[in-house]
Amino acid sequence: MTHLNPSRSTRRNFFVSALSALTLSAAPAAPRPNIILVLFDDLGYKDFSCYGSQYYSTPNIDAIAATGTRFTNYYAACPVCSPTRASVLTGKYPTRTGVTDWIPGYPAPKDSVLLTPQTKLRLALEQKTIAEYLKPLGYATASMGKWHLGGEGHSATEQGFDVNVGGTHKGQPNRYLAPFDMPGLTDAPTGTELSAHLTSKATAWIKSQTQPFFLYLPHFAVHTPLDALPALIEKYKSKPNVNPTYSGMMESADNAIGTLRESAPPNTIFILTSDNGGITNLRGTPVTSNAPLREQKGYLYEGGIRVPLIIGVPGQKAQVSDTRACSVDLLPTILQLLGQQSPKDI
């Protein structure tokens, strides 16, 4: 396994130096690679076994790390979801998009010394997303899962995506076992697990494509409500864990990645990360562990913002990079890998 020296790369081109196998993607004669960007929700830095988890086995995710780069100093743009999602899609910091809190955010306490600025309740349509940059390059685009950047008139299909499945203004599902109350997911048979059902929709869409594609798959997992297949909850009651239900959700999420990986064409780049750190305590209920990082989602300590990032590239040997990087780096780096100029307004 190669260990990369962060001093040899700058933050804005960290994929280019770390993912040297991708240089063929920018060659004019080479077919453009497919790109799958999986954004987990509230998944902590130590929740993948390849990051040293003591509680979860994630063999399918680890398999992607074994063909790419695992980043150890990658940070979410915000310790809560909506601002990070806007940053991932636009390459801009939360203050630039105006989405600075989860939508709609908490009202400021009446006795607060410092006032909280009002976050924007949607991603402005003039903000250009990865999908809007890739469509002119001949890419089919789909968003399948959590959107949480605006409702009607500000959905994924208004931001460059051909298809939107499950994405609304809502920040979490009603449950993880069908029936679901989200568009495009109401056909799930009763008891179907949400990550698996989203993946089945994604794989069907992938198989229908005749051109390069960009799939944005923002899983609802492992956000609350804590909910998993009963058999998995029972399985983890007898194993070391922080919360057996959360452990079951992690296994379902990993299985979904395995299905997706088997269905993707060989020339597919996988990007796996999280929107913020994990929840260690939910109103007195233990959920996961971010140890040795301090605190959890919602905090600016490392437990709230330091998250995993894995880039899987076909044919690449496993690498570990200590390069410091952030959510805002994803968009310009994807474009640079495709031989495109980075936007000047980010």
Protein backbone atom coordinates (compact mmCIF):
# COMPACT_ATOMS: atom_id res chain seq x y z
CA MET A 1 0.00 0.00 0.00
CA THR A 2 1.37 3.38 -1.02
CA HIS A 3 1.37 6.19 1.57
CA LEU A 4 1.22 9.59 -0.10
CA ASN A 5 3.12 12.64 1.11
CA PRO A 6 0.70 15.58 1.55
CA SER A 7 3.46 18.12 0.98
CA ARG A 8 3.53 17.13 -2.70
CA SER A 9 -0.01 18.26 -3.41
CA THR A 10 -2.15 21.30 -2.84
CA ARG A 11 -5.70 21.03 -1.57
CA ARG A 12 -7.31 22.06 -4.86
CA ASN A 13 -5.63 19.32 -6.87
CA PHE A 14 -5.30 16.63 -4.23
CA PHE A 15 -7.11 14.00 -6.30
CA VAL A 16 -4.87 14.67 -9.27
CA SER A 17 -1.69 13.93 -7.34
CA ALA A 18 -3.17 11.15 -5.24
CA LEU A 19 -5.08 9.38 -7.99
CA SER A 20 -2.43 9.17 -10.65
CA ALA A 21 -4.18 6.25 -12.36
CA LEU A 22 -6.90 8.65 -13.45
CA THR A 23 -4.68 10.56 -15.84
CA LEU A 24 -5.98 8.40 -18.68
CA SER A 25 -9.47 9.76 -18.04
CA ALA A 26 -8.43 13.15 -19.34
CA ALA A 27 -6.88 11.78 -22.52
CA PRO A 28 -8.97 12.80 -25.56
CA ALA A 29 -9.03 9.26 -27.02
CA ALA A 30 -10.09 7.55 -23.78
CA PRO A 31 -13.78 7.09 -22.98
CA ARG A 32 -14.94 9.33 -20.17
CA PRO A 33 -15.29 7.44 -16.88
CA ASN A 34 -18.58 7.03 -15.09
CA ILE A 35 -18.71 8.69 -11.67
CA ILE A 36 -20.69 7.52 -8.64
CA LEU A 37 -20.65 9.89 -5.67
CA VAL A 38 -22.10 8.28 -2.53
CA LEU A 39 -22.76 10.71 0.32
CA PHE A 40 -23.70 8.95 3.55
CA ASP A 41 -25.64 10.84 6.20
CA ASP A 42 -24.22 11.27 9.72
CA LEU A 43 -21.60 8.56 9.18
CA GLY A 44 -18.64 8.93 11.50
CA TYR A 45 -14.91 8.88 10.79
CA LYS A 46 -14.41 5.40 12.34
CA ASP A 47 -17.56 3.73 10.95
CA PHE A 48 -15.77 1.87 8.13
CA SER A 49 -13.65 -1.11 9.10
CA CYS A 50 -10.85 0.14 6.80
CA TYR A 51 -10.70 3.21 9.07
CA GLY A 52 -10.25 1.01 12.13
CA SER A 53 -13.81 0.43 13.32
CA GLN A 54 -14.06 -1.87 16.31
CA TYR A 55 -17.77 -2.45 15.77
CA TYR A 56 -18.65 -2.64 12.06
CA SER A 57 -17.52 -4.89 9.25
CA THR A 58 -17.72 -3.15 5.87
CA PRO A 59 -16.12 -5.55 3.37
CA ASN A 60 -17.77 -4.01 0.29
CA ILE A 61 -16.64 -0.51 1.18
CA ASP A 62 -13.19 -1.84 2.06
CA ALA A 63 -13.02 -3.45 -1.40
CA ILE A 64 -13.38 -0.01 -2.98
CA ALA A 65 -10.61 1.32 -0.72
CA ALA A 66 -8.44 -1.59 -1.91
CA THR A 67 -8.63 -0.23 -5.48
CA GLY A 68 -8.16 3.44 -4.72
CA THR A 69 -7.22 6.05 -2.17
CA ARG A 70 -8.30 6.37 1.44
CA PHE A 71 -7.98 9.91 2.78
CA THR A 72 -7.24 10.36 6.48
CA ASN A 73 -7.49 14.17 6.77
CA TYR A 74 -10.72 14.90 4.94
CA TYR A 75 -13.23 17.33 6.45
CA ALA A 76 -16.89 18.06 5.87
CA ALA A 77 -17.55 21.71 5.08
CA CYS A 78 -19.95 21.93 8.03
CA PRO A 79 -20.87 19.80 11.07
CA VAL A 80 -24.49 19.53 9.83
CA CYS A 81 -25.96 18.27 6.58
CA SER A 82 -27.43 20.89 4.21
CA PRO A 83 -24.38 23.20 4.09
CA THR A 84 -22.05 20.30 3.33
CA ARG A 85 -24.38 19.00 0.61
CA ALA A 86 -24.42 22.42 -1.03
CA SER A 87 -20.62 22.58 -0.80
CA VAL A 88 -20.13 19.13 -2.32
CA LEU A 89 -22.38 19.98 -5.27
CA THR A 90 -21.10 23.52 -5.94
CA GLY A 91 -17.48 23.54 -4.76
CA LYS A 92 -18.24 26.55 -2.57
CA TYR A 93 -18.00 27.11 1.15
CA PRO A 94 -21.30 27.42 3.09
CA THR A 95 -20.96 31.19 3.43
CA ARG A 96 -20.76 31.48 -0.37
CA THR A 97 -23.98 29.53 -0.97
CA GLY A 98 -25.76 31.07 2.01
CA VAL A 99 -26.78 27.62 3.25
CA THR A 100 -25.06 27.76 6.64
CA ASP A 101 -27.26 25.48 8.76
CA TRP A 102 -29.36 22.41 8.21
CA ILE A 103 -32.61 23.47 6.53
CA PRO A 104 -34.62 25.07 8.14
CA GLY A 105 -32.27 25.23 11.14
CA TYR A 106 -32.89 25.87 14.81
CA PRO A 107 -34.20 29.27 15.96
CA ALA A 108 -31.61 31.20 17.96
CA PRO A 109 -32.16 31.07 21.74
CA LYS A 110 -33.76 34.28 23.02
CA ASP A 111 -30.99 34.84 25.55
CA SER A 112 -28.15 34.10 23.11
CA VAL A 113 -25.24 36.56 23.22
CA LEU A 114 -24.32 35.75 19.61
CA LEU A 115 -27.09 35.78 17.03
CA THR A 116 -27.21 33.00 14.45
CA PRO A 117 -27.55 34.24 10.86
CA GLN A 118 -30.64 32.96 9.08
CA THR A 119 -29.66 30.20 6.70
CA LYS A 120 -31.09 30.16 3.20
CA LEU A 121 -33.91 27.64 2.95
CA ARG A 122 -32.84 26.34 -0.46
CA LEU A 123 -29.86 26.18 -2.77
CA ALA A 124 -30.21 29.09 -5.17
CA LEU A 125 -30.80 27.98 -8.76
CA GLU A 126 -27.97 30.19 -10.01
CA GLN A 127 -25.53 28.03 -8.03
CA LYS A 128 -24.03 25.63 -10.57
CA THR A 129 -23.78 21.98 -9.50
CA ILE A 130 -21.53 19.11 -10.58
CA ALA A 131 -24.41 17.80 -12.68
CA GLU A 132 -24.72 21.12 -14.50
CA TYR A 133 -21.00 21.05 -15.33
CA LEU A 134 -21.09 17.44 -16.52
CA LYS A 135 -24.19 17.49 -18.71
CA PRO A 136 -22.51 19.55 -21.49
CA LEU A 137 -19.75 16.92 -21.48
CA GLY A 138 -22.28 14.27 -22.50
CA TYR A 139 -23.08 12.84 -19.08
CA ALA A 140 -26.43 11.42 -18.01
CA THR A 141 -27.14 12.55 -14.45
CA ALA A 142 -29.26 11.22 -11.60
CA SER A 143 -29.80 12.10 -7.94
CA MET A 144 -31.17 9.23 -5.88
CA GLY A 145 -31.71 9.77 -2.18
CA LYS A 146 -31.63 12.70 0.22
CA TRP A 147 -31.70 16.16 -1.39
CA HIS A 148 -32.57 18.53 1.51
CA LEU A 149 -31.62 21.66 -0.44
CA GLY A 150 -35.10 22.91 -1.26
CA GLY A 151 -38.51 21.67 -2.24
CA GLU A 152 -40.68 22.19 -5.30
CA GLY A 153 -38.96 24.46 -7.81
CA HIS A 154 -35.59 23.89 -6.15
CA SER A 155 -35.23 20.14 -6.47
CA ALA A 156 -32.46 18.11 -8.09
CA THR A 157 -34.10 18.30 -11.51
CA GLU A 158 -33.81 22.10 -11.39
CA GLN A 159 -30.09 21.74 -10.66
CA GLY A 160 -28.93 19.66 -13.62
CA PHE A 161 -30.12 16.17 -12.77
CA ASP A 162 -32.14 14.24 -15.35
CA VAL A 163 -33.67 12.04 -12.66
CA ASN A 164 -34.61 12.59 -9.01
CA VAL A 165 -35.64 9.64 -6.88
CA GLY A 166 -36.48 10.19 -3.23
CA GLY A 167 -35.17 13.75 -3.00
CA THR A 168 -37.36 16.38 -1.33
CA HIS A 169 -36.98 19.23 1.16
CA LYS A 170 -36.99 16.63 3.97
CA GLY A 171 -33.85 15.82 5.89
CA GLN A 172 -34.68 12.30 6.99
CA PRO A 173 -36.93 9.38 6.05
CA ASN A 174 -40.05 8.41 7.95
CA ARG A 175 -38.54 4.93 8.43
CA TYR A 176 -35.97 2.56 6.95
CA LEU A 177 -38.39 -0.29 6.32
CA ALA A 178 -41.08 0.28 3.65
CA PRO A 179 -43.58 1.81 3.14
CA PHE A 180 -41.73 5.05 2.43
CA ASP A 181 -43.28 8.50 1.89
CA MET A 182 -40.79 9.79 -0.68
CA PRO A 183 -41.32 10.30 -4.41
CA GLY A 184 -40.12 7.42 -6.55
CA LEU A 185 -39.91 5.09 -3.56
CA THR A 186 -43.57 4.42 -2.80
CA ASP A 187 -43.48 1.20 -4.83
CA ALA A 188 -41.26 -0.60 -2.33
CA PRO A 189 -42.79 -3.84 -0.99
CA THR A 190 -43.63 -3.66 2.71
CA GLY A 191 -40.56 -4.34 4.84
CA THR A 192 -38.01 -3.51 2.13
CA GLU A 193 -34.91 -1.83 3.56
CA LEU A 194 -34.35 1.73 2.32
CA SER A 195 -30.65 1.56 1.35
CA ALA A 196 -31.31 -1.63 -0.62
CA HIS A 197 -34.33 -0.14 -2.39
CA LEU A 198 -32.49 3.05 -3.36
CA THR A 199 -29.69 0.89 -4.71
CA SER A 200 -32.10 -1.19 -6.79
CA LYS A 201 -33.38 2.03 -8.36
CA ALA A 202 -29.82 3.19 -8.98
CA THR A 203 -28.68 -0.07 -10.57
CA ALA A 204 -31.73 -0.15 -12.86
CA TRP A 205 -30.90 3.38 -14.01
CA ILE A 206 -27.23 2.49 -14.55
CA LYS A 207 -28.15 -0.48 -16.72
CA SER A 208 -30.33 1.73 -18.91
CA GLN A 209 -27.51 4.16 -19.75
CA THR A 210 -25.81 4.28 -23.13
CA GLN A 211 -23.57 7.27 -22.32
CA PRO A 212 -21.20 8.19 -19.49
CA PHE A 213 -23.12 8.85 -16.28
CA PHE A 214 -22.84 10.76 -13.04
CA LEU A 215 -24.82 9.15 -10.23
CA TYR A 216 -25.21 11.21 -7.06
CA LEU A 217 -26.38 8.75 -4.41
CA PRO A 218 -26.92 10.60 -1.12
CA HIS A 219 -28.06 7.74 1.12
CA PHE A 220 -30.38 8.55 4.01
CA ALA A 221 -28.39 6.01 6.05
CA VAL A 222 -27.25 6.22 8.75
CA HIS A 223 -29.35 9.22 9.86
CA THR A 224 -32.06 8.80 12.46
CA PRO A 225 -34.60 7.32 13.02
CA LEU A 226 -32.64 4.29 14.17
CA ASP A 227 -34.31 1.51 12.23
CA ALA A 228 -33.01 -1.73 10.70
CA LEU A 229 -34.06 -5.17 9.57
CA PRO A 230 -35.16 -7.15 12.66
CA ALA A 231 -32.80 -10.03 11.82
CA LEU A 232 -29.82 -7.68 11.77
CA ILE A 233 -30.78 -6.05 15.08
CA GLU A 234 -30.97 -9.50 16.64
CA LYS A 235 -27.64 -10.47 15.07
CA TYR A 236 -25.78 -7.56 16.63
CA LYS A 237 -27.25 -7.96 20.10
CA SER A 238 -24.70 -10.72 20.64
CA LYS A 239 -21.76 -8.86 19.08
CA PRO A 240 -19.62 -5.96 20.34
CA ASN A 241 -21.45 -2.76 19.41
CA VAL A 242 -22.52 0.66 20.59
CA ASN A 243 -26.08 0.24 19.32
CA PRO A 244 -27.31 -3.00 17.64
CA THR A 245 -29.79 -1.13 15.45
CA TYR A 246 -27.09 1.22 14.16
CA SER A 247 -24.89 -1.81 13.51
CA GLY A 248 -27.68 -3.31 11.42
CA MET A 249 -28.01 -0.05 9.47
CA MET A 250 -24.27 -0.10 8.78
CA GLU A 251 -24.44 -3.66 7.43
CA SER A 252 -27.35 -2.73 5.13
CA ALA A 253 -25.43 0.33 3.89
CA ASP A 254 -22.35 -1.78 3.16
CA ASN A 255 -24.41 -4.43 1.37
CA ALA A 256 -25.94 -1.69 -0.78
CA ILE A 257 -22.47 -0.57 -1.83
CA GLY A 258 -21.62 -4.16 -2.75
CA THR A 259 -24.68 -4.39 -5.01
CA LEU A 260 -23.85 -1.05 -6.60
CA ARG A 261 -20.24 -2.04 -7.19
CA GLU A 262 -21.24 -5.29 -8.90
CA SER A 263 -23.65 -3.42 -11.20
CA ALA A 264 -21.33 -0.58 -12.21
CA PRO A 265 -19.34 -0.77 -15.48
CA PRO A 266 -15.59 -1.38 -15.12
CA ASN A 267 -14.67 2.24 -15.95
CA THR A 268 -16.48 3.69 -12.92
CA ILE A 269 -14.95 5.98 -10.30
CA PHE A 270 -16.45 5.60 -6.81
CA ILE A 271 -16.38 8.47 -4.32
CA LEU A 272 -17.61 7.56 -0.81
CA THR A 273 -17.86 10.10 2.00
CA SER A 274 -20.16 11.61 4.65
CA ASP A 275 -21.84 14.97 5.15
CA ASN A 276 -20.70 15.33 8.78
CA GLY A 277 -19.52 13.32 11.74
CA GLY A 278 -21.42 10.56 13.48
CA ILE A 279 -23.94 10.86 16.29
CA THR A 280 -22.48 9.39 19.46
CA ASN A 281 -25.41 10.19 21.73
CA LEU A 282 -29.05 10.78 20.84
CA ARG A 283 -30.99 12.14 23.82
CA GLY A 284 -29.22 9.71 26.14
CA THR A 285 -29.11 6.77 23.71
CA PRO A 286 -25.63 5.71 22.54
CA VAL A 287 -25.48 5.50 18.72
CA THR A 288 -21.89 5.14 17.41
CA SER A 289 -18.35 6.00 18.43
CA ASN A 290 -16.06 8.64 16.92
CA ALA A 291 -13.20 7.82 19.33
CA PRO A 292 -10.54 9.07 19.55
CA LEU A 293 -12.10 12.15 17.96
CA ARG A 294 -13.91 14.58 20.25
CA GLU A 295 -17.69 15.11 20.17
CA GLN A 296 -20.19 14.41 17.37
CA LYS A 297 -22.37 15.83 14.61
CA GLY A 298 -23.21 19.48 15.22
CA TYR A 299 -19.85 20.28 16.84
CA LEU A 300 -16.79 21.91 15.29
CA TYR A 301 -14.55 19.52 17.18
CA GLU A 302 -13.07 16.81 14.96
CA GLY A 303 -15.84 14.35 15.76
CA GLY A 304 -18.29 16.66 14.02
CA ILE A 305 -16.36 17.46 10.84
CA ARG A 306 -13.68 14.85 10.18
CA VAL A 307 -15.15 12.13 7.98
CA PRO A 308 -14.00 9.27 5.76
CA LEU A 309 -13.29 9.74 2.07
CA ILE A 310 -12.56 6.85 -0.27
CA ILE A 311 -11.93 7.24 -3.99
CA GLY A 312 -12.06 3.94 -5.85
CA VAL A 313 -10.42 3.87 -9.25
CA PRO A 314 -10.38 0.77 -11.50
CA GLY A 315 -6.92 -0.72 -11.72
CA GLN A 316 -5.39 1.45 -9.03
CA LYS A 317 -3.40 0.03 -6.13
CA ALA A 318 -4.43 0.89 -2.59
CA GLN A 319 -3.11 4.23 -1.35
CA VAL A 320 -3.45 6.23 1.84
CA SER A 321 -3.22 10.01 1.67
CA ASP A 322 -2.78 12.40 4.58
CA THR A 323 -3.46 15.39 2.33
CA ARG A 324 -5.83 17.84 3.99
CA ALA A 325 -8.99 18.16 1.96
CA CYS A 326 -12.58 19.34 2.25
CA SER A 327 -16.02 18.95 0.66
CA VAL A 328 -15.40 21.98 -1.56
CA ASP A 329 -12.55 20.15 -3.32
CA LEU A 330 -14.70 17.47 -4.91
CA LEU A 331 -16.25 19.47 -7.77
CA PRO A 332 -13.11 21.18 -9.13
CA THR A 333 -11.10 17.99 -8.86
CA ILE A 334 -13.68 15.91 -10.75
CA LEU A 335 -13.63 18.53 -13.50
CA GLN A 336 -9.85 18.65 -13.59
CA LEU A 337 -9.68 14.86 -13.88
CA LEU A 338 -11.95 15.12 -16.94
CA GLY A 339 -9.60 17.65 -18.50
CA GLN A 340 -11.77 20.66 -17.66
CA GLN A 341 -10.81 24.01 -16.19
CA SER A 342 -11.78 24.63 -12.58
CA PRO A 343 -14.49 27.33 -12.30
CA LYS A 344 -13.12 30.77 -11.50
CA ASP A 345 -15.91 31.71 -9.09
CA ILE A 346 -15.12 29.10 -6.44
